[in-house]
C-alpha cells in the first residue's frame, strides 16, 4: 500500500503544480468536483461549498489512486515498473475516455491534445512512482531478511 500511496501523492503533487503553471493543464480536481456534485444531486443530498468539495475531491483522489496504484505490487513481483507504467497509462486513458459516457465535462482531461498528453503523463508518472517505491521496499525487505538470517547463523555457531 505504501507504493500506491506514493504514486497517488506524486500524481496529486504533479497535477497541483502543473495546473498552476500551464494554461492547458488537466483539471482533474474540477472533474472530481463535478463527479461528486453530480452524485450528490442524484441522491438529493446537499452539495458542500467549493472549498469543502475540493477537500472531498482531494481525499477521494488520494484514496482511490492509492488503492489503484497498489495493484502494481499486488501480484507477482516481476516487472513492477512495466506493471506500474501500464496501470498509469490505463488510468490516463480512462481519465480521457470516461468523462463523456459518465455525463461529465471532457474538457478537464482532454481540452486539447496537449491536455490529453499531460493527463496520460500524470497518471503514468504516478504508476511509475508507485512501482519504484514498491521495488525499493521489496529490496530493503530482502536485504533485512538476509541480514537477519546471517545474524542467526552467526549466533548459532558461537
N, C-alpha and C. Protein backbone atom coordinates (compact mmCIF):
# COMPACT_ATOMS: atom_id res chain seq x y z
N UNK A 1 0.82 -1.20 0.00
CA UNK A 1 0.00 0.00 0.00
C UNK A 1 0.87 1.27 0.00
N UNK A 2 2.09 1.18 0.59
CA UNK A 2 2.96 2.35 0.64
C UNK A 2 3.29 2.85 -0.77
N UNK A 3 3.57 1.93 -1.67
CA UNK A 3 3.88 2.31 -3.04
C UNK A 3 2.69 2.97 -3.72
N UNK A 4 1.51 2.42 -3.50
CA UNK A 4 0.30 3.01 -4.07
C UNK A 4 0.07 4.42 -3.56
N UNK A 5 0.29 4.62 -2.27
CA UNK A 5 0.14 5.95 -1.70
C UNK A 5 1.19 6.90 -2.26
N UNK A 6 2.42 6.42 -2.42
CA UNK A 6 3.47 7.26 -3.00
C UNK A 6 3.11 7.68 -4.42
N UNK A 7 2.58 6.76 -5.21
CA UNK A 7 2.15 7.08 -6.57
C UNK A 7 1.02 8.10 -6.58
N UNK A 8 0.06 7.93 -5.67
CA UNK A 8 -1.08 8.85 -5.60
C UNK A 8 -0.62 10.25 -5.18
N UNK A 9 0.29 10.31 -4.22
CA UNK A 9 0.80 11.60 -3.77
C UNK A 9 1.60 12.27 -4.89
N UNK A 10 2.42 11.48 -5.58
CA UNK A 10 3.20 12.04 -6.70
C UNK A 10 2.28 12.59 -7.77
N UNK A 11 1.27 11.83 -8.14
CA UNK A 11 0.29 12.27 -9.14
C UNK A 11 -0.37 13.58 -8.71
N UNK A 12 -0.82 13.63 -7.47
CA UNK A 12 -1.51 14.82 -6.97
C UNK A 12 -0.59 16.03 -6.92
N UNK A 13 0.63 15.85 -6.43
CA UNK A 13 1.58 16.97 -6.37
C UNK A 13 1.93 17.48 -7.77
N UNK A 14 2.16 16.56 -8.70
CA UNK A 14 2.45 16.97 -10.07
C UNK A 14 1.27 17.73 -10.67
N UNK A 15 0.07 17.20 -10.48
CA UNK A 15 -1.12 17.84 -11.02
C UNK A 15 -1.31 19.23 -10.44
N UNK A 16 -1.20 19.35 -9.13
CA UNK A 16 -1.39 20.63 -8.47
C UNK A 16 -0.34 21.65 -8.92
N UNK A 17 0.88 21.19 -9.18
CA UNK A 17 1.93 22.09 -9.65
C UNK A 17 1.70 22.50 -11.10
N UNK A 18 1.43 21.53 -11.95
CA UNK A 18 1.26 21.80 -13.38
C UNK A 18 0.06 22.70 -13.65
N UNK A 19 -1.02 22.51 -12.92
CA UNK A 19 -2.21 23.34 -13.18
C UNK A 19 -1.97 24.80 -12.84
N UNK A 20 -0.97 25.07 -12.00
CA UNK A 20 -0.66 26.45 -11.63
C UNK A 20 0.26 27.15 -12.63
N UNK A 21 0.95 26.35 -13.47
CA UNK A 21 1.93 26.97 -14.36
C UNK A 21 1.65 26.77 -15.85
N UNK A 22 0.70 25.91 -16.17
CA UNK A 22 0.43 25.61 -17.58
C UNK A 22 -1.04 25.87 -17.91
N UNK A 23 -1.31 26.72 -18.88
CA UNK A 23 -2.70 27.08 -19.19
C UNK A 23 -3.56 25.90 -19.66
N UNK A 24 -3.00 24.96 -20.39
CA UNK A 24 -3.78 23.83 -20.90
C UNK A 24 -3.68 22.60 -20.01
N UNK A 25 -3.28 22.78 -18.76
CA UNK A 25 -3.11 21.65 -17.85
C UNK A 25 -4.43 20.93 -17.61
N UNK A 26 -4.37 19.63 -17.38
CA UNK A 26 -5.58 18.91 -17.00
C UNK A 26 -6.12 19.48 -15.69
N UNK A 27 -7.40 19.42 -15.52
CA UNK A 27 -8.03 19.88 -14.27
C UNK A 27 -8.85 18.74 -13.69
N UNK A 28 -8.13 17.72 -13.26
CA UNK A 28 -8.79 16.55 -12.70
C UNK A 28 -9.49 16.90 -11.39
N UNK A 29 -9.01 17.94 -10.71
CA UNK A 29 -9.69 18.41 -9.50
C UNK A 29 -11.11 18.87 -9.84
N UNK A 30 -11.25 19.64 -10.91
CA UNK A 30 -12.58 20.10 -11.32
C UNK A 30 -13.45 18.95 -11.79
N UNK A 31 -12.84 17.99 -12.49
CA UNK A 31 -13.59 16.81 -12.93
C UNK A 31 -14.12 16.04 -11.72
N UNK A 32 -13.26 15.87 -10.72
CA UNK A 32 -13.68 15.18 -9.49
C UNK A 32 -14.79 15.93 -8.77
N UNK A 33 -14.66 17.24 -8.71
CA UNK A 33 -15.69 18.05 -8.06
C UNK A 33 -17.02 17.93 -8.81
N UNK A 34 -16.95 17.92 -10.14
CA UNK A 34 -18.17 17.73 -10.95
C UNK A 34 -18.80 16.37 -10.67
N UNK A 35 -17.96 15.35 -10.57
CA UNK A 35 -18.46 13.99 -10.33
C UNK A 35 -19.13 13.88 -8.97
N UNK A 36 -18.52 14.45 -7.95
CA UNK A 36 -19.11 14.40 -6.60
C UNK A 36 -20.43 15.17 -6.58
N UNK A 37 -20.43 16.36 -7.18
CA UNK A 37 -21.65 17.16 -7.23
C UNK A 37 -22.77 16.41 -7.94
N UNK A 38 -22.44 15.78 -9.06
CA UNK A 38 -23.44 15.02 -9.81
C UNK A 38 -23.99 13.87 -8.96
N UNK A 39 -23.11 13.17 -8.28
CA UNK A 39 -23.55 12.07 -7.42
C UNK A 39 -24.42 12.54 -6.27
N UNK A 40 -24.05 13.64 -5.65
CA UNK A 40 -24.85 14.17 -4.54
C UNK A 40 -26.22 14.63 -5.02
N UNK A 41 -26.26 15.26 -6.18
CA UNK A 41 -27.55 15.69 -6.73
C UNK A 41 -28.43 14.48 -7.06
N UNK A 42 -27.80 13.42 -7.54
CA UNK A 42 -28.55 12.22 -7.90
C UNK A 42 -29.28 11.63 -6.68
N UNK A 43 -28.63 11.71 -5.52
CA UNK A 43 -29.25 11.17 -4.30
C UNK A 43 -29.95 12.27 -3.48
N UNK A 44 -30.12 13.43 -4.09
CA UNK A 44 -30.78 14.58 -3.45
C UNK A 44 -30.10 15.00 -2.15
N UNK A 45 -28.77 14.94 -2.14
CA UNK A 45 -28.01 15.39 -0.97
C UNK A 45 -27.47 16.79 -1.22
N UNK A 46 -27.23 17.48 -0.15
CA UNK A 46 -26.72 18.85 -0.24
C UNK A 46 -25.28 18.85 -0.72
N UNK A 47 -24.98 19.73 -1.64
CA UNK A 47 -23.61 19.89 -2.14
C UNK A 47 -22.87 20.85 -1.21
N UNK A 48 -21.69 20.46 -0.75
CA UNK A 48 -20.94 21.37 0.13
C UNK A 48 -20.40 22.57 -0.64
N UNK A 49 -19.90 23.55 0.11
CA UNK A 49 -19.32 24.72 -0.54
C UNK A 49 -18.07 24.29 -1.32
N UNK A 50 -17.58 25.18 -2.16
CA UNK A 50 -16.49 24.85 -3.08
C UNK A 50 -15.23 24.37 -2.35
N UNK A 51 -14.90 25.03 -1.27
CA UNK A 51 -13.69 24.65 -0.52
C UNK A 51 -13.81 23.24 0.06
N UNK A 52 -14.97 22.94 0.63
CA UNK A 52 -15.20 21.61 1.21
C UNK A 52 -15.25 20.56 0.10
N UNK A 53 -15.88 20.90 -1.01
CA UNK A 53 -15.97 19.99 -2.16
C UNK A 53 -14.56 19.67 -2.68
N UNK A 54 -13.70 20.67 -2.72
CA UNK A 54 -12.31 20.46 -3.14
C UNK A 54 -11.61 19.49 -2.18
N UNK A 55 -11.82 19.66 -0.89
CA UNK A 55 -11.21 18.74 0.10
C UNK A 55 -11.70 17.31 -0.11
N UNK A 56 -12.99 17.16 -0.32
CA UNK A 56 -13.55 15.83 -0.57
C UNK A 56 -12.90 15.21 -1.80
N UNK A 57 -12.74 16.04 -2.83
CA UNK A 57 -12.16 15.57 -4.08
C UNK A 57 -10.72 15.12 -3.87
N UNK A 58 -9.94 15.91 -3.18
CA UNK A 58 -8.53 15.56 -2.94
C UNK A 58 -8.43 14.28 -2.11
N UNK A 59 -9.25 14.16 -1.08
CA UNK A 59 -9.23 12.96 -0.25
C UNK A 59 -9.64 11.73 -1.07
N UNK A 60 -10.68 11.89 -1.86
CA UNK A 60 -11.13 10.78 -2.71
C UNK A 60 -10.10 10.40 -3.75
N UNK A 61 -9.47 11.40 -4.35
CA UNK A 61 -8.42 11.12 -5.35
C UNK A 61 -7.26 10.38 -4.72
N UNK A 62 -6.79 10.85 -3.57
CA UNK A 62 -5.65 10.20 -2.92
C UNK A 62 -5.99 8.76 -2.54
N UNK A 63 -7.16 8.54 -1.97
CA UNK A 63 -7.55 7.20 -1.56
C UNK A 63 -7.73 6.27 -2.76
N UNK A 64 -8.51 6.71 -3.74
CA UNK A 64 -8.78 5.83 -4.88
C UNK A 64 -7.51 5.57 -5.70
N UNK A 65 -6.68 6.60 -5.90
CA UNK A 65 -5.45 6.39 -6.66
C UNK A 65 -4.46 5.52 -5.89
N UNK A 66 -4.39 5.67 -4.57
CA UNK A 66 -3.50 4.82 -3.77
C UNK A 66 -3.92 3.36 -3.89
N UNK A 67 -5.21 3.10 -3.79
CA UNK A 67 -5.70 1.72 -3.94
C UNK A 67 -5.42 1.19 -5.34
N UNK A 68 -5.69 2.02 -6.33
CA UNK A 68 -5.47 1.61 -7.72
C UNK A 68 -4.00 1.30 -7.97
N UNK A 69 -3.11 2.21 -7.59
CA UNK A 69 -1.69 2.01 -7.86
C UNK A 69 -1.09 0.88 -7.01
N UNK A 70 -1.70 0.54 -5.89
CA UNK A 70 -1.17 -0.54 -5.07
C UNK A 70 -1.24 -1.88 -5.80
N UNK A 71 -2.06 -1.95 -6.83
CA UNK A 71 -2.16 -3.17 -7.64
C UNK A 71 -0.83 -3.47 -8.34
N UNK A 72 -0.01 -2.45 -8.55
CA UNK A 72 1.27 -2.64 -9.24
C UNK A 72 2.15 -3.66 -8.52
N UNK A 73 1.99 -3.80 -7.22
CA UNK A 73 2.81 -4.77 -6.48
C UNK A 73 2.00 -5.90 -5.88
N UNK A 74 0.73 -5.97 -6.22
CA UNK A 74 -0.15 -6.94 -5.58
C UNK A 74 0.01 -8.36 -6.11
N UNK A 75 0.48 -8.50 -7.31
CA UNK A 75 0.60 -9.84 -7.88
C UNK A 75 2.06 -10.27 -7.86
N UNK A 76 2.54 -10.86 -8.88
CA UNK A 76 3.92 -11.31 -8.92
C UNK A 76 4.87 -10.12 -8.83
N UNK A 77 6.04 -10.36 -8.33
CA UNK A 77 6.99 -9.27 -8.11
C UNK A 77 7.84 -8.98 -9.34
N UNK A 78 7.62 -9.68 -10.43
CA UNK A 78 8.43 -9.44 -11.62
C UNK A 78 7.89 -8.25 -12.42
N UNK A 79 8.79 -7.46 -12.92
CA UNK A 79 8.48 -6.32 -13.79
C UNK A 79 7.51 -5.30 -13.19
N UNK A 80 7.76 -4.85 -11.96
CA UNK A 80 6.82 -3.89 -11.36
C UNK A 80 6.77 -2.56 -12.12
N UNK A 81 7.88 -2.12 -12.71
CA UNK A 81 7.85 -0.85 -13.45
C UNK A 81 6.98 -0.96 -14.69
N UNK A 82 7.02 -2.09 -15.34
CA UNK A 82 6.15 -2.30 -16.51
C UNK A 82 4.69 -2.29 -16.06
N UNK A 83 4.40 -3.02 -14.98
CA UNK A 83 3.03 -3.08 -14.48
C UNK A 83 2.57 -1.69 -14.02
N UNK A 84 3.44 -0.97 -13.30
CA UNK A 84 3.09 0.38 -12.86
C UNK A 84 2.87 1.32 -14.03
N UNK A 85 3.71 1.20 -15.06
CA UNK A 85 3.54 2.02 -16.26
C UNK A 85 2.24 1.72 -16.97
N UNK A 86 1.92 0.45 -17.10
CA UNK A 86 0.67 0.07 -17.76
C UNK A 86 -0.55 0.54 -16.97
N UNK A 87 -0.47 0.42 -15.65
CA UNK A 87 -1.57 0.92 -14.82
C UNK A 87 -1.73 2.43 -15.00
N UNK A 88 -0.62 3.14 -15.04
CA UNK A 88 -0.67 4.59 -15.24
C UNK A 88 -1.25 4.96 -16.59
N UNK A 89 -0.81 4.25 -17.63
CA UNK A 89 -1.36 4.52 -18.97
C UNK A 89 -2.86 4.24 -19.02
N UNK A 90 -3.28 3.15 -18.38
CA UNK A 90 -4.70 2.80 -18.36
C UNK A 90 -5.51 3.86 -17.60
N UNK A 91 -4.97 4.33 -16.49
CA UNK A 91 -5.67 5.37 -15.72
C UNK A 91 -5.76 6.66 -16.53
N UNK A 92 -4.69 7.02 -17.21
CA UNK A 92 -4.70 8.21 -18.05
C UNK A 92 -5.71 8.11 -19.18
N UNK A 93 -5.74 6.95 -19.82
CA UNK A 93 -6.71 6.73 -20.90
C UNK A 93 -8.13 6.81 -20.35
N UNK A 94 -8.34 6.22 -19.18
CA UNK A 94 -9.66 6.28 -18.56
C UNK A 94 -10.08 7.70 -18.23
N UNK A 95 -9.12 8.50 -17.77
CA UNK A 95 -9.41 9.89 -17.42
C UNK A 95 -9.82 10.70 -18.65
N UNK A 96 -9.36 10.27 -19.82
CA UNK A 96 -9.71 10.95 -21.06
C UNK A 96 -11.01 10.41 -21.66
N UNK A 97 -11.17 9.10 -21.60
CA UNK A 97 -12.29 8.46 -22.29
C UNK A 97 -13.58 8.34 -21.47
N UNK A 98 -13.50 8.28 -20.16
CA UNK A 98 -14.68 8.00 -19.35
C UNK A 98 -15.59 9.19 -19.02
N UNK A 99 -15.07 10.41 -18.95
CA UNK A 99 -15.98 11.50 -18.58
C UNK A 99 -17.22 11.62 -19.48
N UNK A 100 -17.06 11.52 -20.79
CA UNK A 100 -18.21 11.69 -21.69
C UNK A 100 -19.31 10.67 -21.41
N UNK A 101 -19.00 9.35 -21.37
CA UNK A 101 -20.09 8.41 -21.09
C UNK A 101 -20.68 8.55 -19.68
N UNK A 102 -19.92 9.18 -18.79
CA UNK A 102 -20.42 9.39 -17.43
C UNK A 102 -21.19 10.70 -17.30
N UNK A 103 -21.31 11.43 -18.41
CA UNK A 103 -22.04 12.70 -18.40
C UNK A 103 -21.28 13.82 -17.71
N UNK A 104 -19.95 13.73 -17.73
CA UNK A 104 -19.11 14.76 -17.11
C UNK A 104 -18.39 15.55 -18.20
N UNK A 105 -17.92 16.75 -17.88
CA UNK A 105 -17.21 17.56 -18.88
C UNK A 105 -15.92 16.89 -19.35
N UNK A 106 -15.71 16.87 -20.63
CA UNK A 106 -14.50 16.24 -21.18
C UNK A 106 -13.32 17.21 -21.21
N UNK A 107 -13.58 18.48 -21.17
CA UNK A 107 -12.52 19.49 -21.31
C UNK A 107 -11.49 19.41 -20.19
N UNK A 108 -11.89 18.96 -19.00
CA UNK A 108 -10.95 18.93 -17.88
C UNK A 108 -9.77 18.00 -18.12
N UNK A 109 -9.97 16.95 -18.90
CA UNK A 109 -8.88 16.00 -19.14
C UNK A 109 -8.42 15.96 -20.59
N UNK A 110 -9.22 16.53 -21.51
CA UNK A 110 -8.85 16.41 -22.93
C UNK A 110 -9.23 17.64 -23.76
N UNK A 111 -9.12 18.80 -23.16
CA UNK A 111 -9.47 20.04 -23.86
C UNK A 111 -8.67 20.21 -25.15
N UNK A 112 -7.38 19.93 -25.09
CA UNK A 112 -6.51 20.00 -26.26
C UNK A 112 -5.68 18.71 -26.31
N UNK A 113 -4.96 18.52 -27.40
CA UNK A 113 -4.06 17.36 -27.48
C UNK A 113 -3.02 17.44 -26.37
N UNK A 114 -2.53 18.63 -26.11
CA UNK A 114 -1.55 18.83 -25.04
C UNK A 114 -2.14 18.44 -23.68
N UNK A 115 -3.38 18.82 -23.45
CA UNK A 115 -4.06 18.47 -22.19
C UNK A 115 -4.17 16.95 -22.07
N UNK A 116 -4.56 16.29 -23.15
CA UNK A 116 -4.69 14.83 -23.14
C UNK A 116 -3.35 14.16 -22.85
N UNK A 117 -2.29 14.64 -23.49
CA UNK A 117 -0.97 14.06 -23.27
C UNK A 117 -0.50 14.29 -21.84
N UNK A 118 -0.77 15.48 -21.29
CA UNK A 118 -0.41 15.73 -19.90
C UNK A 118 -1.20 14.84 -18.95
N UNK A 119 -2.47 14.62 -19.25
CA UNK A 119 -3.29 13.75 -18.41
C UNK A 119 -2.68 12.35 -18.36
N UNK A 120 -2.37 11.81 -19.53
CA UNK A 120 -1.76 10.48 -19.58
C UNK A 120 -0.41 10.49 -18.85
N UNK A 121 0.38 11.53 -19.08
CA UNK A 121 1.69 11.62 -18.44
C UNK A 121 1.62 11.68 -16.93
N UNK A 122 0.65 12.41 -16.40
CA UNK A 122 0.49 12.49 -14.94
C UNK A 122 0.20 11.13 -14.33
N UNK A 123 -0.75 10.42 -14.93
CA UNK A 123 -1.10 9.10 -14.40
C UNK A 123 0.02 8.09 -14.61
N UNK A 124 0.72 8.20 -15.73
CA UNK A 124 1.88 7.35 -15.98
C UNK A 124 2.94 7.58 -14.90
N UNK A 125 3.21 8.84 -14.60
CA UNK A 125 4.20 9.17 -13.55
C UNK A 125 3.78 8.56 -12.22
N UNK A 126 2.51 8.67 -11.88
CA UNK A 126 2.01 8.08 -10.63
C UNK A 126 2.24 6.58 -10.59
N UNK A 127 1.96 5.89 -11.68
CA UNK A 127 2.17 4.45 -11.74
C UNK A 127 3.63 4.06 -11.62
N UNK A 128 4.49 4.83 -12.25
CA UNK A 128 5.93 4.54 -12.19
C UNK A 128 6.50 4.82 -10.80
N UNK A 129 6.05 5.89 -10.17
CA UNK A 129 6.49 6.18 -8.79
C UNK A 129 6.03 5.06 -7.86
N UNK A 130 4.78 4.65 -7.99
CA UNK A 130 4.25 3.57 -7.14
C UNK A 130 5.10 2.31 -7.30
N UNK A 131 5.38 1.93 -8.53
CA UNK A 131 6.17 0.72 -8.78
C UNK A 131 7.59 0.86 -8.27
N UNK A 132 8.21 2.02 -8.45
CA UNK A 132 9.58 2.23 -7.98
C UNK A 132 9.65 2.14 -6.46
N UNK A 133 8.69 2.72 -5.77
CA UNK A 133 8.68 2.66 -4.31
C UNK A 133 8.46 1.23 -3.85
N UNK A 134 7.56 0.51 -4.51
CA UNK A 134 7.34 -0.89 -4.15
C UNK A 134 8.60 -1.72 -4.35
N UNK A 135 9.30 -1.48 -5.44
CA UNK A 135 10.55 -2.20 -5.71
C UNK A 135 11.59 -1.89 -4.63
N UNK A 136 11.70 -0.63 -4.25
CA UNK A 136 12.67 -0.24 -3.23
C UNK A 136 12.33 -0.88 -1.88
N UNK A 137 11.05 -0.91 -1.54
CA UNK A 137 10.62 -1.53 -0.28
C UNK A 137 10.93 -3.02 -0.30
N UNK A 138 10.65 -3.67 -1.43
CA UNK A 138 10.92 -5.11 -1.54
C UNK A 138 12.41 -5.40 -1.41
N UNK A 139 13.25 -4.60 -2.05
CA UNK A 139 14.70 -4.79 -1.95
C UNK A 139 15.17 -4.61 -0.52
N UNK A 140 14.65 -3.57 0.15
CA UNK A 140 15.03 -3.33 1.54
C UNK A 140 14.61 -4.51 2.43
N UNK A 141 13.41 -5.03 2.21
CA UNK A 141 12.93 -6.15 3.00
C UNK A 141 13.78 -7.40 2.76
N UNK A 142 14.16 -7.65 1.51
CA UNK A 142 15.02 -8.80 1.20
C UNK A 142 16.37 -8.67 1.89
N UNK A 143 16.92 -7.46 1.86
CA UNK A 143 18.22 -7.21 2.50
C UNK A 143 18.11 -7.41 4.00
N UNK A 144 17.05 -6.90 4.61
CA UNK A 144 16.87 -7.07 6.05
C UNK A 144 16.70 -8.54 6.42
N UNK A 145 15.98 -9.28 5.60
CA UNK A 145 15.78 -10.71 5.85
C UNK A 145 17.11 -11.45 5.76
N UNK A 146 17.89 -11.11 4.74
CA UNK A 146 19.19 -11.75 4.56
C UNK A 146 20.11 -11.44 5.74
N UNK A 147 20.13 -10.19 6.18
CA UNK A 147 20.95 -9.80 7.33
C UNK A 147 20.52 -10.54 8.58
N UNK A 148 19.23 -10.67 8.77
CA UNK A 148 18.69 -11.38 9.93
C UNK A 148 19.11 -12.85 9.90
N UNK A 149 19.00 -13.48 8.71
CA UNK A 149 19.41 -14.88 8.58
C UNK A 149 20.89 -15.05 8.85
N UNK A 150 21.70 -14.10 8.38
CA UNK A 150 23.14 -14.17 8.62
C UNK A 150 23.45 -14.04 10.11
N UNK A 151 22.75 -13.15 10.81
CA UNK A 151 22.93 -12.99 12.25
C UNK A 151 22.55 -14.27 12.99
N UNK A 152 21.47 -14.88 12.53
CA UNK A 152 21.02 -16.13 13.15
C UNK A 152 22.09 -17.21 12.98
N UNK A 153 22.63 -17.33 11.77
CA UNK A 153 23.66 -18.34 11.51
C UNK A 153 24.92 -18.04 12.32
N UNK A 154 25.30 -16.80 12.40
CA UNK A 154 26.49 -16.40 13.12
C UNK A 154 26.32 -16.67 14.62
N UNK A 155 25.16 -16.30 15.17
CA UNK A 155 24.93 -16.51 16.59
C UNK A 155 24.78 -17.99 16.93
N UNK A 156 24.33 -18.78 15.99
CA UNK A 156 24.18 -20.22 16.20
C UNK A 156 25.52 -20.94 16.21
N UNK A 157 26.53 -20.38 15.56
CA UNK A 157 27.86 -21.00 15.51
C UNK A 157 28.70 -20.61 16.71
N UNK A 158 28.34 -19.58 17.43
CA UNK A 158 29.17 -19.09 18.54
C UNK A 158 29.10 -19.98 19.75
